[in-house]
Amino acid sequence: MGGILGKKKGKKESVLGGGGPNKGAGPEGKKTDGMPIKITSPDGDTKNDGKNDSKDTGAVSAYAFWEKNGRGTMKKPKKLTKRQMHAAETIKATMKATLGGGDLRETVKLPSGEDKKEWIAVNTVHFYNAASMIYGTISEDCTDHKEDCKVMSAGKKHEYLWQDGVQYKKPTKMSAPEYIDKLLTWAGEQIADPLLFPVEPGAKFPHGFMKQVKVIYKRLFRVYGHIYHVHFDKIKSLGANAHLNTCFKHFVYFIKEFNLVKDQDLEPLQKLIDKFFNKKPSNPAK
């Protein structure tokens, strides 16, 4: 398996660019025993003190790394609508501040004068594209034949079942690559749905926007959970752990700022998240 850092063929697309199809979708399933887990990869193990594993980089540098060095995205990047462009420029401008030692947490806060749902919508496009691109760099390492990828999981204590309310009406067990493919396809369809993510200027967001967008973020978190628990060694072999940490940190700051994912759903990476917020490790779940 070579060439993971090979140059992409064809035209490069920005993390904030692209386009895609549209279909409806529904709820989903998850199985977990609720027990605390030990995070080995991002926090080090007995052979590695992990001192460098939680380091990060500037946001602009991190996202540029995935664009330049990734094999490509798993799904075609989503394009921004004209109404989202202003908010996108704000994201880019605030990210640049991190290159000079700025606080990444400032990039997620709702800018003065911006509509909250519009801000969440444009960031959702960004985080979707980023997750798809990051997973694309290790997708060759995530196969049905790899022992830790035979089921979709984020550590031994958290296993996820797929349900979309359409093709899979009941929680269904599947491999990690199949699950993530369906997850990214489903999320892309939600983002491309003009009834959920309005396209026309002045069109209002539906009443169910926040409820559905929270499901998107909860599922995108699972992609990070699987990567950290199963493929972090591959990430480190690419020299990309600091870039991964930056992108995940940005993601976590955003979901915390707007309460998009419940704490219980963050358990697979809670120890790493606590480091981001300089907190002592959370108490084990009862």
C-alpha atoms as a PDB file:
ATOM      1  CA  MET A   1       0.000   0.000   0.000  1.00  0.00           C
ATOM      2  CA  GLY A   2       2.023   2.953  -1.265  1.00  0.00           C
ATOM      3  CA  GLY A   3       1.520   6.507  -2.376  1.00  0.00           C
ATOM      4  CA  ILE A   4      -0.774   7.706   0.370  1.00  0.00           C
ATOM      5  CA  LEU A   5       1.049  11.011   0.247  1.00  0.00           C
ATOM      6  CA  GLY A   6       1.105  11.070  -3.533  1.00  0.00           C
ATOM      7  CA  LYS A   7      -0.177  14.123  -5.385  1.00  0.00           C
ATOM      8  CA  LYS A   8      -3.820  14.177  -6.371  1.00  0.00           C
ATOM      9  CA  LYS A   9      -4.606  13.963 -10.049  1.00  0.00           C
ATOM     10  CA  GLY A  10      -6.823  16.575 -11.606  1.00  0.00           C
ATOM     11  CA  LYS A  11      -8.029  19.888 -10.250  1.00  0.00           C
ATOM     12  CA  LYS A  12      -7.686  20.501  -6.529  1.00  0.00           C
ATOM     13  CA  GLU A  13     -10.763  21.585  -4.621  1.00  0.00           C
ATOM     14  CA  SER A  14     -10.878  23.601  -1.446  1.00  0.00           C
ATOM     15  CA  VAL A  15     -12.187  22.146   1.797  1.00  0.00           C
ATOM     16  CA  LEU A  16     -14.994  24.668   1.360  1.00  0.00           C
ATOM     17  CA  GLY A  17     -15.808  23.691  -2.241  1.00  0.00           C
ATOM     18  CA  GLY A  18     -17.664  20.967  -4.205  1.00  0.00           C
ATOM     19  CA  GLY A  19     -21.215  19.676  -4.828  1.00  0.00           C
ATOM     20  CA  GLY A  20     -23.473  16.584  -4.442  1.00  0.00           C
ATOM     21  CA  PRO A  21     -26.819  14.717  -4.670  1.00  0.00           C
ATOM     22  CA  ASN A  22     -29.945  14.925  -2.567  1.00  0.00           C
ATOM     23  CA  LYS A  23     -32.045  12.310  -0.760  1.00  0.00           C
ATOM     24  CA  GLY A  24     -33.986  12.118   2.443  1.00  0.00           C
ATOM     25  CA  ALA A  25     -32.887  10.215   5.539  1.00  0.00           C
ATOM     26  CA  GLY A  26     -34.013   9.477   9.045  1.00  0.00           C
ATOM     27  CA  PRO A  27     -32.806   8.284  12.459  1.00  0.00           C
ATOM     28  CA  GLU A  28     -29.901   6.052  13.292  1.00  0.00           C
ATOM     29  CA  GLY A  29     -28.783   3.332  15.668  1.00  0.00           C
ATOM     30  CA  LYS A  30     -25.937   2.996  18.137  1.00  0.00           C
ATOM     31  CA  LYS A  31     -24.803   0.235  20.459  1.00  0.00           C
ATOM     32  CA  THR A  32     -22.519   0.825  23.398  1.00  0.00           C
ATOM     33  CA  ASP A  33     -22.210  -0.731  26.817  1.00  0.00           C
ATOM     34  CA  GLY A  34     -21.691   2.691  28.372  1.00  0.00           C
ATOM     35  CA  MET A  35     -18.464   1.659  30.114  1.00  0.00           C
ATOM     36  CA  PRO A  36     -15.429   3.944  30.195  1.00  0.00           C
ATOM     37  CA  ILE A  37     -12.712   3.209  27.672  1.00  0.00           C
ATOM     38  CA  LYS A  38      -8.963   3.602  27.574  1.00  0.00           C
ATOM     39  CA  ILE A  39      -7.746   5.707  24.699  1.00  0.00           C
ATOM     40  CA  THR A  40      -4.451   4.250  23.588  1.00  0.00           C
ATOM     41  CA  SER A  41      -3.537   5.898  20.302  1.00  0.00           C
ATOM     42  CA  PRO A  42      -4.052   9.640  20.893  1.00  0.00           C
ATOM     43  CA  ASP A  43      -2.848   9.485  24.493  1.00  0.00           C
ATOM     44  CA  GLY A  44       0.157   7.206  24.020  1.00  0.00           C
ATOM     45  CA  ASP A  45       0.765   3.623  25.110  1.00  0.00           C
ATOM     46  CA  THR A  46       3.375   1.594  26.992  1.00  0.00           C
ATOM     47  CA  LYS A  47       5.842   1.883  24.118  1.00  0.00           C
ATOM     48  CA  ASN A  48       5.361   5.590  23.541  1.00  0.00           C
ATOM     49  CA  ASP A  49       4.885   8.303  26.132  1.00  0.00           C
ATOM     50  CA  GLY A  50       2.626  10.112  23.667  1.00  0.00           C
ATOM     51  CA  LYS A  51       4.102  13.527  24.466  1.00  0.00           C
ATOM     52  CA  ASN A  52       3.765  14.645  20.862  1.00  0.00           C
ATOM     53  CA  ASP A  53       0.476  12.915  20.132  1.00  0.00           C
ATOM     54  CA  SER A  54      -1.786  15.699  21.377  1.00  0.00           C
ATOM     55  CA  LYS A  55       0.090  18.580  19.749  1.00  0.00           C
ATOM     56  CA  ASP A  56      -1.634  20.635  17.094  1.00  0.00           C
ATOM     57  CA  THR A  57      -0.879  23.215  14.415  1.00  0.00           C
ATOM     58  CA  GLY A  58      -2.456  26.377  13.051  1.00  0.00           C
ATOM     59  CA  ALA A  59      -5.863  25.775  11.469  1.00  0.00           C
ATOM     60  CA  VAL A  60      -4.906  27.100   8.043  1.00  0.00           C
ATOM     61  CA  SER A  61      -1.796  24.906   8.024  1.00  0.00           C
ATOM     62  CA  ALA A  62      -3.758  21.836   9.117  1.00  0.00           C
ATOM     63  CA  TYR A  63      -6.490  22.053   6.500  1.00  0.00           C
ATOM     64  CA  ALA A  64      -3.950  22.927   3.804  1.00  0.00           C
ATOM     65  CA  PHE A  65      -2.060  19.738   4.707  1.00  0.00           C
ATOM     66  CA  TRP A  66      -5.062  17.513   4.016  1.00  0.00           C
ATOM     67  CA  GLU A  67      -5.773  19.303   0.739  1.00  0.00           C
ATOM     68  CA  LYS A  68      -2.174  19.034  -0.458  1.00  0.00           C
ATOM     69  CA  ASN A  69      -1.189  15.581   0.774  1.00  0.00           C
ATOM     70  CA  GLY A  70      -4.391  13.589   0.838  1.00  0.00           C
ATOM     71  CA  ARG A  71      -5.140  11.021  -1.842  1.00  0.00           C
ATOM     72  CA  GLY A  72      -8.452  12.770  -2.340  1.00  0.00           C
ATOM     73  CA  THR A  73     -11.793  12.948  -0.624  1.00  0.00           C
ATOM     74  CA  MET A  74     -14.085   9.997  -0.060  1.00  0.00           C
ATOM     75  CA  LYS A  75     -16.988  12.072  -1.305  1.00  0.00           C
ATOM     76  CA  LYS A  76     -17.044  15.027  -3.659  1.00  0.00           C
ATOM     77  CA  PRO A  77     -16.707  18.205  -1.566  1.00  0.00           C
ATOM     78  CA  LYS A  78     -19.882  20.201  -1.068  1.00  0.00           C
ATOM     79  CA  LYS A  79     -20.142  23.624  -2.655  1.00  0.00           C
ATOM     80  CA  LEU A  80     -21.221  26.637  -0.692  1.00  0.00           C
ATOM     81  CA  THR A  81     -24.326  28.478  -1.798  1.00  0.00           C
ATOM     82  CA  LYS A  82     -24.086  32.176  -2.590  1.00  0.00           C
ATOM     83  CA  ARG A  83     -25.845  33.009   0.664  1.00  0.00           C
ATOM     84  CA  GLN A  84     -23.173  31.066   2.598  1.00  0.00           C
ATOM     85  CA  MET A  85     -20.166  32.781   1.029  1.00  0.00           C
ATOM     86  CA  HIS A  86     -20.045  35.713   3.451  1.00  0.00           C
ATOM     87  CA  ALA A  87     -19.950  33.409   6.463  1.00  0.00           C
ATOM     88  CA  ALA A  88     -17.303  31.290   4.733  1.00  0.00           C
ATOM     89  CA  GLU A  89     -15.054  34.312   4.293  1.00  0.00           C
ATOM     90  CA  THR A  90     -15.434  35.026   8.009  1.00  0.00           C
ATOM     91  CA  ILE A  91     -14.298  31.470   8.793  1.00  0.00           C
ATOM     92  CA  LYS A  92     -11.217  31.859   6.601  1.00  0.00           C
ATOM     93  CA  ALA A  93     -10.328  35.219   8.106  1.00  0.00           C
ATOM     94  CA  THR A  94     -10.584  34.024  11.701  1.00  0.00           C
ATOM     95  CA  MET A  95      -8.625  30.849  10.927  1.00  0.00           C
ATOM     96  CA  LYS A  96      -5.707  32.913   9.672  1.00  0.00           C
ATOM     97  CA  ALA A  97      -5.399  34.379  13.152  1.00  0.00           C
ATOM     98  CA  THR A  98      -4.294  30.980  14.479  1.00  0.00           C
ATOM     99  CA  LEU A  99      -1.123  31.180  12.401  1.00  0.00           C
ATOM    100  CA  GLY A 100      -0.046  34.037  14.634  1.00  0.00           C
ATOM    101  CA  GLY A 101      -0.833  32.220  17.854  1.00  0.00           C
ATOM    102  CA  GLY A 102      -4.502  33.162  17.952  1.00  0.00           C
ATOM    103  CA  ASP A 103      -7.042  31.124  19.899  1.00  0.00           C
ATOM    104  CA  LEU A 104      -8.785  28.545  17.728  1.00  0.00           C
ATOM    105  CA  ARG A 105     -11.814  28.882  19.985  1.00  0.00           C
ATOM    106  CA  GLU A 106     -12.373  32.357  18.598  1.00  0.00           C
ATOM    107  CA  THR A 107     -12.966  30.935  15.124  1.00  0.00           C
ATOM    108  CA  VAL A 108     -16.128  29.111  16.186  1.00  0.00           C
ATOM    109  CA  LYS A 109     -17.949  31.930  17.942  1.00  0.00           C
ATOM    110  CA  LEU A 110     -20.941  33.504  16.225  1.00  0.00           C
ATOM    111  CA  PRO A 111     -19.707  36.716  14.577  1.00  0.00           C
ATOM    112  CA  SER A 112     -21.600  39.904  15.256  1.00  0.00           C
ATOM    113  CA  GLY A 113     -24.404  40.330  12.754  1.00  0.00           C
ATOM    114  CA  GLU A 114     -24.381  36.711  11.560  1.00  0.00           C
ATOM    115  CA  ASP A 115     -27.471  34.504  11.736  1.00  0.00           C
ATOM    116  CA  LYS A 116     -26.863  31.552  14.070  1.00  0.00           C
ATOM    117  CA  LYS A 117     -28.377  28.907  11.803  1.00  0.00           C
ATOM    118  CA  GLU A 118     -26.568  30.303   8.773  1.00  0.00           C
ATOM    119  CA  TRP A 119     -23.300  30.159  10.710  1.00  0.00           C
ATOM    120  CA  ILE A 120     -23.940  26.570  11.766  1.00  0.00           C
ATOM    121  CA  ALA A 121     -24.930  25.620   8.216  1.00  0.00           C
ATOM    122  CA  VAL A 122     -21.781  26.953   6.547  1.00  0.00           C
ATOM    123  CA  ASN A 123     -19.581  25.388   9.225  1.00  0.00           C
ATOM    124  CA  THR A 124     -21.379  22.081   8.698  1.00  0.00           C
ATOM    125  CA  VAL A 125     -20.320  22.145   5.052  1.00  0.00           C
ATOM    126  CA  HIS A 126     -16.751  22.848   6.159  1.00  0.00           C
ATOM    127  CA  PHE A 127     -16.623  20.107   8.805  1.00  0.00           C
ATOM    128  CA  TYR A 128     -18.228  17.573   6.477  1.00  0.00           C
ATOM    129  CA  ASN A 129     -15.651  18.235   3.760  1.00  0.00           C
ATOM    130  CA  ALA A 130     -12.812  18.103   6.289  1.00  0.00           C
ATOM    131  CA  ALA A 131     -13.936  14.781   7.806  1.00  0.00           C
ATOM    132  CA  SER A 132     -14.347  13.256   4.351  1.00  0.00           C
ATOM    133  CA  MET A 133     -10.906  14.432   3.261  1.00  0.00           C
ATOM    134  CA  ILE A 134      -9.167  13.271   6.448  1.00  0.00           C
ATOM    135  CA  TYR A 135     -10.760   9.829   6.236  1.00  0.00           C
ATOM    136  CA  GLY A 136      -9.745   9.670   2.590  1.00  0.00           C
ATOM    137  CA  THR A 137      -6.076   9.756   3.584  1.00  0.00           C
ATOM    138  CA  ILE A 138      -6.363   6.547   5.616  1.00  0.00           C
ATOM    139  CA  SER A 139      -9.162   4.806   3.709  1.00  0.00           C
ATOM    140  CA  GLU A 140      -6.732   2.259   2.237  1.00  0.00           C
ATOM    141  CA  ASP A 141      -5.933   1.221   5.807  1.00  0.00           C
ATOM    142  CA  CYS A 142      -9.632   0.859   6.664  1.00  0.00           C
ATOM    143  CA  THR A 143     -10.862  -2.354   5.058  1.00  0.00           C
ATOM    144  CA  ASP A 144     -13.343  -5.133   5.733  1.00  0.00           C
ATOM    145  CA  HIS A 145     -10.386  -7.461   6.319  1.00  0.00           C
ATOM    146  CA  LYS A 146      -8.715  -5.365   9.027  1.00  0.00           C
ATOM    147  CA  GLU A 147      -9.657  -6.854  12.395  1.00  0.00           C
ATOM    148  CA  ASP A 148     -10.550  -3.535  14.047  1.00  0.00           C
ATOM    149  CA  CYS A 149     -12.577  -2.436  11.011  1.00  0.00           C
ATOM    150  CA  LYS A 150     -14.848  -5.468  10.671  1.00  0.00           C
ATOM    151  CA  VAL A 151     -17.425  -3.517  12.656  1.00  0.00           C
ATOM    152  CA  MET A 152     -17.801   0.244  12.980  1.00  0.00           C
ATOM    153  CA  SER A 153     -16.359   1.202  16.332  1.00  0.00           C
ATOM    154  CA  ALA A 154     -14.499   3.841  18.315  1.00  0.00           C
ATOM    155  CA  GLY A 155     -12.621   1.633  20.735  1.00  0.00           C
ATOM    156  CA  LYS A 156     -13.651  -1.720  22.162  1.00  0.00           C
ATOM    157  CA  LYS A 157     -16.504  -0.263  24.213  1.00  0.00           C
ATOM    158  CA  HIS A 158     -18.275   1.711  21.495  1.00  0.00           C
ATOM    159  CA  GLU A 159     -19.796   0.020  18.464  1.00  0.00           C
ATOM    160  CA  TYR A 160     -22.160   1.753  16.048  1.00  0.00           C
ATOM    161  CA  LEU A 161     -25.046   0.357  14.010  1.00  0.00           C
ATOM    162  CA  TRP A 162     -26.305   2.053  10.863  1.00  0.00           C
ATOM    163  CA  GLN A 163     -29.890   3.209  10.371  1.00  0.00           C
ATOM    164  CA  ASP A 164     -31.134   5.799   7.907  1.00  0.00           C
ATOM    165  CA  GLY A 165     -34.886   5.296   8.079  1.00  0.00           C
ATOM    166  CA  VAL A 166     -35.040   4.559   4.344  1.00  0.00           C
ATOM    167  CA  GLN A 167     -32.884   1.661   3.137  1.00  0.00           C
ATOM    168  CA  TYR A 168     -31.928   0.630   6.663  1.00  0.00           C
ATOM    169  CA  LYS A 169     -34.992   1.026   8.834  1.00  0.00           C
ATOM    170  CA  LYS A 170     -33.527  -1.051  11.654  1.00  0.00           C
ATOM    171  CA  PRO A 171     -30.088  -0.627  13.285  1.00  0.00           C
ATOM    172  CA  THR A 172     -27.736  -2.702  11.125  1.00  0.00           C
ATOM    173  CA  LYS A 173     -24.261  -3.968  11.939  1.00  0.00           C
ATOM    174  CA  MET A 174     -21.658  -3.370   9.236  1.00  0.00           C
ATOM    175  CA  SER A 175     -17.948  -2.854   8.702  1.00  0.00           C
ATOM    176  CA  ALA A 176     -16.298   0.489   9.391  1.00  0.00           C
ATOM    177  CA  PRO A 177     -15.610   1.339   5.729  1.00  0.00           C
ATOM    178  CA  GLU A 178     -19.182   0.519   4.743  1.00  0.00           C
ATOM    179  CA  TYR A 179     -20.594   2.458   7.696  1.00  0.00           C
ATOM    180  CA  ILE A 180     -18.457   5.533   7.016  1.00  0.00           C
ATOM    181  CA  ASP A 181     -19.285   5.433   3.310  1.00  0.00           C
ATOM    182  CA  LYS A 182     -22.988   5.415   4.116  1.00  0.00           C
ATOM    183  CA  LEU A 183     -22.492   8.073   6.796  1.00  0.00           C
ATOM    184  CA  LEU A 184     -20.720  10.463   4.427  1.00  0.00           C
ATOM    185  CA  THR A 185     -23.232   9.784   1.657  1.00  0.00           C
ATOM    186  CA  TRP A 186     -26.137  10.427   4.023  1.00  0.00           C
ATOM    187  CA  ALA A 187     -24.604  13.594   5.493  1.00  0.00           C
ATOM    188  CA  GLY A 188     -23.802  14.892   2.011  1.00  0.00           C
ATOM    189  CA  GLU A 189     -27.407  14.375   0.982  1.00  0.00           C
ATOM    190  CA  GLN A 190     -28.636  16.297   4.006  1.00  0.00           C
ATOM    191  CA  ILE A 191     -26.339  19.219   3.192  1.00  0.00           C
ATOM    192  CA  ALA A 192     -27.452  19.179  -0.465  1.00  0.00           C
ATOM    193  CA  ASP A 193     -31.147  19.224   0.479  1.00  0.00           C
ATOM    194  CA  PRO A 194     -32.405  22.807  -0.128  1.00  0.00           C
ATOM    195  CA  LEU A 195     -35.331  22.173   2.197  1.00  0.00           C
ATOM    196  CA  LEU A 196     -32.898  21.613   5.079  1.00  0.00           C
ATOM    197  CA  PHE A 197     -30.049  23.893   3.969  1.00  0.00           C
ATOM    198  CA  PRO A 198     -31.834  26.761   2.142  1.00  0.00           C
ATOM    199  CA  VAL A 199     -30.239  27.986  -1.067  1.00  0.00           C
ATOM    200  CA  GLU A 200     -32.308  31.013  -2.030  1.00  0.00           C
ATOM    201  CA  PRO A 201     -31.472  34.305  -0.271  1.00  0.00           C
ATOM    202  CA  GLY A 202     -34.056  35.065   2.381  1.00  0.00           C
ATOM    203  CA  ALA A 203     -35.371  31.497   2.578  1.00  0.00           C
ATOM    204  CA  LYS A 204     -35.849  30.424   6.184  1.00  0.00           C
ATOM    205  CA  PHE A 205     -34.365  27.355   7.812  1.00  0.00           C
ATOM    206  CA  PRO A 206     -36.951  24.668   8.671  1.00  0.00           C
ATOM    207  CA  HIS A 207     -38.054  24.141  12.268  1.00  0.00           C
ATOM    208  CA  GLY A 208     -36.292  20.778  12.321  1.00  0.00           C
ATOM    209  CA  PHE A 209     -32.936  22.159  11.161  1.00  0.00           C
ATOM    210  CA  MET A 210     -31.177  22.079  14.529  1.00  0.00           C
ATOM    211  CA  LYS A 211     -32.449  18.595  15.362  1.00  0.00           C
ATOM    212  CA  GLN A 212     -31.203  17.157  12.088  1.00  0.00           C
ATOM    213  CA  VAL A 213     -27.904  19.019  12.075  1.00  0.00           C
ATOM    214  CA  LYS A 214     -27.132  17.599  15.517  1.00  0.00           C
ATOM    215  CA  VAL A 215     -27.428  14.100  14.053  1.00  0.00           C
ATOM    216  CA  ILE A 216     -24.961  15.098  11.333  1.00  0.00           C
ATOM    217  CA  TYR A 217     -22.416  16.284  13.899  1.00  0.00           C
ATOM    218  CA  LYS A 218     -22.921  13.251  16.124  1.00  0.00           C
ATOM    219  CA  ARG A 219     -22.174  11.003  13.175  1.00  0.00           C
ATOM    220  CA  LEU A 220     -19.199  13.028  11.941  1.00  0.00           C
ATOM    221  CA  PHE A 221     -17.717  12.663  15.422  1.00  0.00           C
ATOM    222  CA  ARG A 222     -17.776   8.894  14.948  1.00  0.00           C
ATOM    223  CA  VAL A 223     -15.470   9.223  11.946  1.00  0.00           C
ATOM    224  CA  TYR A 224     -12.911  10.946  14.180  1.00  0.00           C
ATOM    225  CA  GLY A 225     -13.508   8.368  16.908  1.00  0.00           C
ATOM    226  CA  HIS A 226     -12.747   5.500  14.551  1.00  0.00           C
ATOM    227  CA  ILE A 227      -9.673   7.207  13.099  1.00  0.00           C
ATOM    228  CA  TYR A 228      -8.165   7.962  16.519  1.00  0.00           C
ATOM    229  CA  HIS A 229      -8.805   4.515  17.968  1.00  0.00           C
ATOM    230  CA  VAL A 230      -7.945   2.384  14.952  1.00  0.00           C
ATOM    231  CA  HIS A 231      -5.872   4.379  12.484  1.00  0.00           C
ATOM    232  CA  PHE A 232      -3.856   6.797  14.597  1.00  0.00           C
ATOM    233  CA  ASP A 233      -0.634   4.887  13.962  1.00  0.00           C
ATOM    234  CA  LYS A 234      -1.212   5.368  10.235  1.00  0.00           C
ATOM    235  CA  ILE A 235      -1.835   9.084  10.808  1.00  0.00           C
ATOM    236  CA  LYS A 236       1.429   9.322  12.761  1.00  0.00           C
ATOM    237  CA  SER A 237       3.326   7.472  10.044  1.00  0.00           C
ATOM    238  CA  LEU A 238       2.218  10.227   7.669  1.00  0.00           C
ATOM    239  CA  GLY A 239       3.437  12.872  10.103  1.00  0.00           C
ATOM    240  CA  ALA A 240      -0.129  14.140  10.280  1.00  0.00           C
ATOM    241  CA  ASN A 241      -1.097  13.689  13.932  1.00  0.00           C
ATOM    242  CA  ALA A 242      -0.717  17.392  14.760  1.00  0.00           C
ATOM    243  CA  HIS A 243      -2.847  18.327  11.753  1.00  0.00           C
ATOM    244  CA  LEU A 244      -5.508  15.792  12.749  1.00  0.00           C
ATOM    245  CA  ASN A 245      -5.527  17.159  16.300  1.00  0.00           C
ATOM    246  CA  THR A 246      -6.032  20.707  15.024  1.00  0.00           C
ATOM    247  CA  CYS A 247      -8.967  19.765  12.814  1.00  0.00           C
ATOM    248  CA  PHE A 248     -10.565  17.690  15.555  1.00  0.00           C
ATOM    249  CA  LYS A 249     -10.003  20.431  18.114  1.00  0.00           C
ATOM    250  CA  HIS A 250     -11.688  22.932  15.800  1.00  0.00           C
ATOM    251  CA  PHE A 251     -14.589  20.490  15.411  1.00  0.00           C
ATOM    252  CA  VAL A 252     -14.888  19.980  19.173  1.00  0.00           C
ATOM    253  CA  TYR A 253     -14.770  23.697  19.955  1.00  0.00           C
ATOM    254  CA  PHE A 254     -17.602  24.235  17.498  1.00  0.00           C
ATOM    255  CA  ILE A 255     -19.891  21.479  18.758  1.00  0.00           C
ATOM    256  CA  LYS A 256     -19.289  22.607  22.342  1.00  0.00           C
ATOM    257  CA  GLU A 257     -19.982  26.251  21.491  1.00  0.00           C
ATOM    258  CA  PHE A 258     -23.417  25.400  20.081  1.00  0.00           C
ATOM    259  CA  ASN A 259     -24.233  22.251  22.110  1.00  0.00           C
ATOM    260  CA  LEU A 260     -24.489  20.083  19.012  1.00  0.00           C
ATOM    261  CA  VAL A 261     -23.405  16.739  20.489  1.00  0.00           C
ATOM    262  CA  LYS A 262     -24.299  15.294  23.890  1.00  0.00           C
ATOM    263  CA  ASP A 263     -21.455  14.589  26.302  1.00  0.00           C
ATOM    264  CA  GLN A 264     -22.298  10.878  26.414  1.00  0.00           C
ATOM    265  CA  ASP A 265     -21.691  10.654  22.663  1.00  0.00           C
ATOM    266  CA  LEU A 266     -18.214  12.138  23.101  1.00  0.00           C
ATOM    267  CA  GLU A 267     -17.039   9.444  25.530  1.00  0.00           C
ATOM    268  CA  PRO A 268     -14.826   7.580  23.029  1.00  0.00           C
ATOM    269  CA  LEU A 269     -12.472  10.594  22.861  1.00  0.00           C
ATOM    270  CA  GLN A 270     -13.254  12.283  26.170  1.00  0.00           C
ATOM    271  CA  LYS A 271      -9.677  12.117  27.462  1.00  0.00           C
ATOM    272  CA  LEU A 272      -8.386  13.895  24.379  1.00  0.00           C
ATOM    273  CA  ILE A 273     -11.196  16.458  24.550  1.00  0.00           C
ATOM    274  CA  ASP A 274     -10.346  17.142  28.195  1.00  0.00           C
ATOM    275  CA  LYS A 275      -6.823  17.985  27.086  1.00  0.00           C
ATOM    276  CA  PHE A 276      -8.181  20.543  24.640  1.00  0.00           C
ATOM    277  CA  PHE A 277     -10.007  22.294  27.460  1.00  0.00           C
ATOM    278  CA  ASN A 278      -7.210  21.740  29.999  1.00  0.00           C
ATOM    279  CA  LYS A 279      -9.523  19.690  32.175  1.00  0.00           C
ATOM    280  CA  LYS A 280      -8.710  16.779  34.436  1.00  0.00           C
ATOM    281  CA  PRO A 281      -9.939  13.444  33.031  1.00  0.00           C
ATOM    282  CA  SER A 282     -13.688  13.016  33.383  1.00  0.00           C
ATOM    283  CA  ASN A 283     -14.975  10.565  35.986  1.00  0.00           C
ATOM    284  CA  PRO A 284     -15.608   7.083  34.577  1.00  0.00           C
ATOM    285  CA  ALA A 285     -19.199   6.436  33.549  1.00  0.00           C
ATOM    286  CA  LYS A 286     -21.158   4.431  36.060  1.00  0.00           C
END
